[in-house]
N, C-alpha and C. Protein backbone atom coordinates (compact mmCIF):
# COMPACT_ATOMS: atom_id res chain seq x y z
N UNK A 1 0.84 -1.19 0.00
CA UNK A 1 0.00 0.00 0.00
C UNK A 1 0.88 1.25 0.00
N UNK A 2 0.32 2.33 -0.41
CA UNK A 2 1.05 3.60 -0.50
C UNK A 2 1.57 4.04 0.86
N UNK A 3 0.89 3.68 1.94
CA UNK A 3 1.29 4.09 3.28
C UNK A 3 2.62 3.47 3.71
N UNK A 4 3.03 2.39 3.09
CA UNK A 4 4.29 1.72 3.47
C UNK A 4 5.52 2.46 2.95
N UNK A 5 5.34 3.41 2.05
CA UNK A 5 6.47 4.13 1.46
C UNK A 5 6.98 5.21 2.41
N UNK A 6 8.29 5.19 2.66
CA UNK A 6 8.92 6.26 3.44
C UNK A 6 9.56 7.28 2.51
N UNK A 7 9.75 6.90 1.27
CA UNK A 7 10.24 7.79 0.22
C UNK A 7 9.47 7.41 -1.04
N UNK A 8 8.98 8.41 -1.77
CA UNK A 8 8.11 8.12 -2.92
C UNK A 8 8.25 9.22 -3.96
N UNK A 9 8.31 8.81 -5.21
CA UNK A 9 8.27 9.78 -6.32
C UNK A 9 7.35 9.24 -7.40
N UNK A 10 6.59 10.13 -7.97
CA UNK A 10 5.64 9.75 -9.01
C UNK A 10 6.39 9.39 -10.29
N UNK A 11 5.80 8.46 -11.03
CA UNK A 11 6.31 8.07 -12.34
C UNK A 11 5.39 8.71 -13.37
N UNK A 12 5.95 9.34 -14.42
CA UNK A 12 5.08 9.94 -15.44
C UNK A 12 4.11 8.91 -16.02
N UNK A 13 2.88 9.30 -16.15
CA UNK A 13 1.81 8.41 -16.61
C UNK A 13 2.16 7.75 -17.94
N UNK A 14 1.96 6.42 -17.98
CA UNK A 14 2.18 5.66 -19.21
C UNK A 14 3.62 5.35 -19.55
N UNK A 15 4.55 5.54 -18.58
CA UNK A 15 5.96 5.29 -18.88
C UNK A 15 6.51 4.00 -18.29
N UNK A 16 5.79 3.42 -17.33
CA UNK A 16 6.30 2.20 -16.69
C UNK A 16 5.14 1.26 -16.42
N UNK A 17 5.36 -0.03 -16.67
CA UNK A 17 4.30 -1.03 -16.56
C UNK A 17 4.80 -2.25 -15.82
N UNK A 18 3.88 -2.97 -15.17
CA UNK A 18 4.13 -4.29 -14.63
C UNK A 18 3.33 -5.28 -15.46
N UNK A 19 3.99 -6.34 -15.89
CA UNK A 19 3.30 -7.36 -16.67
C UNK A 19 2.93 -8.50 -15.73
N UNK A 20 1.68 -8.89 -15.75
CA UNK A 20 1.17 -9.89 -14.82
C UNK A 20 0.87 -11.19 -15.54
N UNK A 21 0.59 -12.23 -14.76
CA UNK A 21 0.47 -13.59 -15.26
C UNK A 21 -0.50 -13.83 -16.39
N UNK A 22 -1.56 -13.06 -16.48
CA UNK A 22 -2.54 -13.31 -17.54
C UNK A 22 -2.24 -12.52 -18.81
N UNK A 23 -0.96 -12.14 -18.98
CA UNK A 23 -0.49 -11.44 -20.18
C UNK A 23 -1.03 -10.02 -20.31
N UNK A 24 -1.51 -9.45 -19.23
CA UNK A 24 -1.95 -8.06 -19.26
C UNK A 24 -0.92 -7.22 -18.50
N UNK A 25 -1.09 -5.91 -18.56
CA UNK A 25 -0.16 -5.03 -17.87
C UNK A 25 -0.93 -4.02 -17.03
N UNK A 26 -0.28 -3.57 -15.96
CA UNK A 26 -0.86 -2.55 -15.09
C UNK A 26 0.13 -1.40 -14.99
N UNK A 27 -0.39 -0.20 -14.88
CA UNK A 27 0.45 0.99 -14.84
C UNK A 27 1.11 1.16 -13.47
N UNK A 28 2.38 1.51 -13.50
CA UNK A 28 3.11 1.88 -12.29
C UNK A 28 2.91 3.38 -12.09
N UNK A 29 2.50 3.77 -10.89
CA UNK A 29 2.25 5.19 -10.61
C UNK A 29 3.39 5.85 -9.85
N UNK A 30 4.22 5.03 -9.20
CA UNK A 30 5.31 5.61 -8.43
C UNK A 30 6.37 4.58 -8.09
N UNK A 31 7.46 5.07 -7.55
CA UNK A 31 8.57 4.22 -7.15
C UNK A 31 9.19 4.82 -5.90
N UNK A 32 9.72 3.97 -5.02
CA UNK A 32 10.30 4.52 -3.80
C UNK A 32 10.87 3.46 -2.89
N UNK A 33 10.95 3.82 -1.61
CA UNK A 33 11.51 2.98 -0.57
C UNK A 33 10.43 2.64 0.45
N UNK A 34 10.37 1.36 0.84
CA UNK A 34 9.40 0.89 1.83
C UNK A 34 10.12 0.27 3.01
N UNK A 35 9.48 0.35 4.16
CA UNK A 35 9.97 -0.34 5.35
C UNK A 35 8.99 -1.42 5.73
N UNK A 36 9.50 -2.62 5.93
CA UNK A 36 8.68 -3.73 6.41
C UNK A 36 9.14 -4.05 7.83
N UNK A 37 8.21 -4.02 8.77
CA UNK A 37 8.53 -4.34 10.16
C UNK A 37 8.37 -5.84 10.35
N UNK A 38 9.47 -6.49 10.66
CA UNK A 38 9.52 -7.93 10.75
C UNK A 38 9.30 -8.37 12.20
N UNK A 39 9.01 -9.66 12.35
CA UNK A 39 8.91 -10.21 13.71
C UNK A 39 10.29 -10.13 14.35
N UNK A 40 10.33 -10.00 15.64
CA UNK A 40 11.60 -9.87 16.34
C UNK A 40 12.09 -8.44 16.39
N UNK A 41 11.27 -7.50 15.90
CA UNK A 41 11.62 -6.09 15.99
C UNK A 41 12.54 -5.56 14.91
N UNK A 42 12.90 -6.38 13.94
CA UNK A 42 13.79 -5.92 12.87
C UNK A 42 12.99 -5.24 11.77
N UNK A 43 13.66 -4.37 11.02
CA UNK A 43 13.04 -3.66 9.91
C UNK A 43 13.78 -3.99 8.63
N UNK A 44 13.05 -4.34 7.60
CA UNK A 44 13.61 -4.61 6.28
C UNK A 44 13.30 -3.41 5.39
N UNK A 45 14.33 -2.81 4.81
CA UNK A 45 14.14 -1.66 3.93
C UNK A 45 14.30 -2.13 2.49
N UNK A 46 13.28 -1.87 1.69
CA UNK A 46 13.28 -2.25 0.27
C UNK A 46 13.35 -0.99 -0.58
N UNK A 47 14.31 -0.97 -1.49
CA UNK A 47 14.51 0.17 -2.39
C UNK A 47 13.93 -0.15 -3.76
N UNK A 48 13.63 0.88 -4.53
CA UNK A 48 13.11 0.74 -5.90
C UNK A 48 11.83 -0.08 -5.94
N UNK A 49 10.97 0.13 -4.96
CA UNK A 49 9.67 -0.55 -4.89
C UNK A 49 8.70 0.16 -5.82
N UNK A 50 8.00 -0.61 -6.64
CA UNK A 50 7.03 -0.05 -7.58
C UNK A 50 5.65 0.02 -6.94
N UNK A 51 4.94 1.12 -7.19
CA UNK A 51 3.58 1.30 -6.68
C UNK A 51 2.61 1.19 -7.85
N UNK A 52 1.79 0.15 -7.84
CA UNK A 52 0.79 -0.10 -8.88
C UNK A 52 -0.52 -0.45 -8.17
N UNK A 53 -1.36 0.54 -7.87
CA UNK A 53 -2.54 0.30 -7.04
C UNK A 53 -3.58 -0.64 -7.65
N UNK A 54 -3.50 -0.91 -8.96
CA UNK A 54 -4.43 -1.87 -9.55
C UNK A 54 -4.17 -3.29 -9.04
N UNK A 55 -2.96 -3.55 -8.57
CA UNK A 55 -2.65 -4.84 -7.97
C UNK A 55 -3.03 -4.74 -6.50
N UNK A 56 -3.96 -5.55 -6.09
CA UNK A 56 -4.55 -5.41 -4.76
C UNK A 56 -3.72 -6.01 -3.64
N UNK A 57 -2.75 -6.81 -3.97
CA UNK A 57 -1.90 -7.45 -2.97
C UNK A 57 -0.47 -6.92 -3.11
N UNK A 58 0.26 -6.93 -2.01
CA UNK A 58 1.67 -6.59 -2.07
C UNK A 58 2.44 -7.78 -2.63
N UNK A 59 3.33 -7.52 -3.57
CA UNK A 59 4.13 -8.57 -4.19
C UNK A 59 5.60 -8.29 -3.94
N UNK A 60 6.36 -9.33 -3.75
CA UNK A 60 7.80 -9.20 -3.61
C UNK A 60 8.46 -10.22 -4.53
N UNK A 61 9.57 -9.84 -5.13
CA UNK A 61 10.29 -10.73 -6.03
C UNK A 61 11.18 -11.67 -5.23
N UNK A 62 10.84 -12.95 -5.26
CA UNK A 62 11.65 -13.96 -4.59
C UNK A 62 13.05 -13.98 -5.19
N UNK A 63 13.16 -13.91 -6.50
CA UNK A 63 14.46 -13.93 -7.16
C UNK A 63 15.32 -12.74 -6.72
N UNK A 64 14.72 -11.55 -6.62
CA UNK A 64 15.48 -10.38 -6.19
C UNK A 64 16.01 -10.55 -4.77
N UNK A 65 15.20 -11.09 -3.87
CA UNK A 65 15.65 -11.32 -2.50
C UNK A 65 16.78 -12.35 -2.45
N UNK A 66 16.66 -13.42 -3.24
CA UNK A 66 17.71 -14.44 -3.28
C UNK A 66 19.02 -13.86 -3.80
N UNK A 67 18.95 -13.01 -4.81
CA UNK A 67 20.16 -12.38 -5.36
C UNK A 67 20.84 -11.48 -4.35
N UNK A 68 20.07 -10.92 -3.41
CA UNK A 68 20.62 -10.07 -2.36
C UNK A 68 21.15 -10.87 -1.17
N UNK A 69 21.02 -12.20 -1.22
CA UNK A 69 21.56 -13.05 -0.18
C UNK A 69 20.60 -13.46 0.92
N UNK A 70 19.33 -13.16 0.75
CA UNK A 70 18.34 -13.56 1.75
C UNK A 70 18.04 -15.05 1.63
N UNK A 71 17.65 -15.65 2.74
CA UNK A 71 17.21 -17.04 2.78
C UNK A 71 15.70 -17.02 2.99
N UNK A 72 14.97 -17.73 2.13
CA UNK A 72 13.52 -17.73 2.19
C UNK A 72 13.03 -19.12 2.56
N UNK A 73 12.14 -19.18 3.54
CA UNK A 73 11.52 -20.44 3.94
C UNK A 73 10.02 -20.27 3.95
N UNK A 74 9.33 -21.14 3.24
CA UNK A 74 7.88 -21.13 3.20
C UNK A 74 7.39 -22.24 4.13
N UNK A 75 6.52 -21.87 5.08
CA UNK A 75 6.01 -22.84 6.04
C UNK A 75 4.66 -22.37 6.57
N UNK A 76 3.68 -23.24 6.57
CA UNK A 76 2.34 -22.93 7.09
C UNK A 76 1.76 -21.65 6.48
N UNK A 77 1.85 -21.53 5.17
CA UNK A 77 1.29 -20.39 4.44
C UNK A 77 1.96 -19.06 4.79
N UNK A 78 3.18 -19.11 5.31
CA UNK A 78 3.93 -17.90 5.66
C UNK A 78 5.30 -17.95 4.99
N UNK A 79 5.82 -16.78 4.70
CA UNK A 79 7.17 -16.65 4.17
C UNK A 79 8.05 -16.11 5.28
N UNK A 80 9.12 -16.84 5.58
CA UNK A 80 10.08 -16.41 6.59
C UNK A 80 11.34 -15.97 5.85
N UNK A 81 11.77 -14.73 6.07
CA UNK A 81 12.92 -14.15 5.39
C UNK A 81 14.03 -13.94 6.41
N UNK A 82 15.25 -14.40 6.07
CA UNK A 82 16.39 -14.17 6.96
C UNK A 82 17.63 -13.96 6.12
N UNK A 83 18.67 -13.49 6.76
CA UNK A 83 19.96 -13.30 6.09
C UNK A 83 20.89 -14.45 6.38
């Protein structure tokens, strides 16, 4: 959601798109930095986060996190992220 952004800048209309699974695209309205408050009191800061309000759920790139060295564990319908 837009409220998660601690830094945000608008993207000119019609210049950036996200392509989704059903071969359609949605417009990106902004880009910025978000903070995710994790269990255990830690904060994860994500840079270059795209804001596309037509997508109703927050999405994160598993591949991008893996490339940054994070370890991902899926268990009981939850994603656990660690370094």
